[in-house]
Protein backbone atom coordinates (compact mmCIF):
# COMPACT_ATOMS: atom_id res chain seq x y z
CA MET A 1 21.68 21.95 -10.25
CA ALA A 2 22.34 18.44 -11.58
CA SER A 3 25.77 16.83 -11.58
CA ASN A 4 28.00 17.84 -14.43
CA ALA A 5 29.19 14.57 -16.00
CA MET A 6 32.39 16.24 -17.26
CA CYS A 7 33.30 17.76 -13.88
CA LEU A 8 36.44 16.22 -12.36
CA PHE A 9 35.05 16.30 -8.83
CA CYS A 10 31.68 14.86 -9.89
CA ARG A 11 33.59 12.00 -11.49
CA ILE A 12 35.61 11.46 -8.29
CA ALA A 13 32.43 11.56 -6.18
CA SER A 14 30.78 8.96 -8.42
CA GLY A 15 33.81 6.67 -8.26
CA GLU A 16 34.53 7.00 -11.97
CA ILE A 17 37.95 8.50 -11.15
CA PRO A 18 39.84 6.93 -8.24
CA ALA A 19 40.87 9.07 -5.28
CA LYS A 20 42.11 8.48 -1.75
CA LYS A 21 38.70 9.01 -0.16
CA ILE A 22 38.43 9.68 3.55
CA VAL A 23 34.71 10.47 3.71
CA ASP A 24 32.13 9.02 1.34
CA ASP A 25 28.63 9.71 2.59
CA PRO A 26 25.38 10.39 0.71
CA ASP A 27 25.98 14.16 0.61
CA VAL A 28 29.73 14.76 0.90
CA VAL A 29 32.99 13.24 -0.31
CA ALA A 30 36.42 14.08 1.10
CA PHE A 31 39.71 12.97 -0.41
CA GLN A 32 43.43 13.68 -0.31
CA ASP A 33 44.56 16.54 -2.55
CA VAL A 34 46.84 15.24 -5.34
CA ASN A 35 48.98 18.39 -5.02
CA PRO A 36 49.16 18.91 -1.24
CA GLN A 37 50.15 22.33 0.08
CA ALA A 38 50.58 21.10 3.67
CA PRO A 39 51.37 17.79 5.38
CA SER A 40 47.61 17.28 5.66
CA HIS A 41 45.58 18.59 2.71
CA VAL A 42 42.10 17.23 2.14
CA LEU A 43 39.35 18.43 -0.20
CA VAL A 44 35.76 18.24 1.01
CA ILE A 45 33.09 18.48 -1.69
CA PRO A 46 29.33 18.27 -1.82
CA ARG A 47 28.07 15.56 -4.17
CA LYS A 48 25.75 18.18 -5.63
CA HIS A 49 27.46 20.02 -8.47
CA ILE A 50 27.71 23.69 -7.52
CA PRO A 51 30.38 25.47 -9.60
CA SER A 52 31.34 28.22 -7.11
CA LEU A 53 30.24 30.34 -4.18
CA ASP A 54 28.66 32.71 -6.70
CA ASP A 55 26.26 29.94 -7.72
CA LEU A 56 24.92 29.28 -4.22
CA THR A 57 21.26 29.91 -3.47
CA ASP A 58 19.25 29.73 -0.26
CA ALA A 59 18.32 26.19 -1.30
CA ASP A 60 22.02 25.21 -0.94
CA ALA A 61 22.34 26.31 2.70
CA ALA A 62 21.96 22.77 4.10
CA THR A 63 24.38 21.34 1.51
CA ILE A 64 27.10 23.88 2.27
CA GLY A 65 26.46 23.65 6.00
CA HIS A 66 26.86 19.87 5.90
CA THR A 67 30.05 20.26 3.84
CA LEU A 68 31.57 22.61 6.45
CA VAL A 69 30.48 20.40 9.36
CA ARG A 70 32.15 17.42 7.69
CA ALA A 71 35.31 19.52 7.13
CA ALA A 72 35.46 20.30 10.87
CA GLN A 73 34.78 16.67 11.82
CA LEU A 74 37.51 15.54 9.45
CA ALA A 75 39.99 18.02 10.94
CA ARG A 76 39.27 16.55 14.38
CA GLU A 77 39.66 12.99 13.05
CA LEU A 78 43.02 13.95 11.53
CA ASN A 79 44.06 15.51 14.87
CA LEU A 80 44.54 18.92 13.32
CA HIS A 81 42.36 20.75 15.85
CA ASP A 82 44.95 20.94 18.67
CA ASP A 83 47.49 23.04 16.75
CA GLY A 84 45.00 24.59 14.33
CA TYR A 85 44.21 24.19 10.69
CA ARG A 86 43.14 26.32 7.76
CA VAL A 87 39.91 26.01 5.79
CA VAL A 88 39.94 27.63 2.35
CA ILE A 89 37.35 28.07 -0.38
CA ASN A 90 38.80 29.64 -3.52
CA ASN A 91 36.23 31.42 -5.67
CA GLY A 92 37.08 32.18 -9.28
CA PRO A 93 40.29 31.94 -11.31
CA ALA A 94 42.01 34.98 -9.75
CA ALA A 95 41.55 33.37 -6.30
CA GLY A 96 43.07 30.08 -7.47
CA GLN A 97 39.92 28.05 -8.17
CA SER A 98 40.93 25.54 -10.84
CA VAL A 99 38.07 23.02 -10.56
CA PHE A 100 34.64 24.61 -10.86
CA HIS A 101 32.86 22.44 -8.33
CA ILE A 102 32.73 24.14 -4.94
CA HIS A 103 35.22 22.56 -2.56
CA VAL A 104 36.74 23.18 0.84
CA HIS A 105 40.46 22.75 1.41
CA VAL A 106 41.33 21.54 4.91
CA LEU A 107 45.04 22.12 5.51
CA GLY A 108 47.11 21.41 8.57
CA GLY A 109 50.33 20.07 9.98
CA ARG A 110 52.41 23.19 9.45
CA GLN A 111 52.55 26.86 10.41
CA PHE A 112 50.54 29.17 8.13
CA ARG A 113 51.20 32.84 7.46
CA TRP A 114 48.85 35.75 7.06
CA PRO A 115 47.97 37.12 4.63
CA PRO A 116 47.87 34.04 2.42
CA GLY A 117 48.95 34.10 -1.22
């Protein structure tokens, strides 16, 4: 699936829209969430435009795997791994997905409750 030129996250990944990027590699971009829900709240996105989990195919396994590996590496770099952190992928409007480009929320720095939301 090609990048969607109108997609907010595609525009951030390309540098068209500025963001506080933490990771900027050939396959993945990570940046600070503009509306943080925890002291540390980073979004990790694949450069490839994939609207949601429902749009994944077997061909996307390496892309999503790399995205999750980078999320874990980033959590370690941010020193979130000692106390724990939460990784969230919202899928669809009822789950809170507001940007339809698959993305992983990495949240930490506070106590989380279960169940969420």
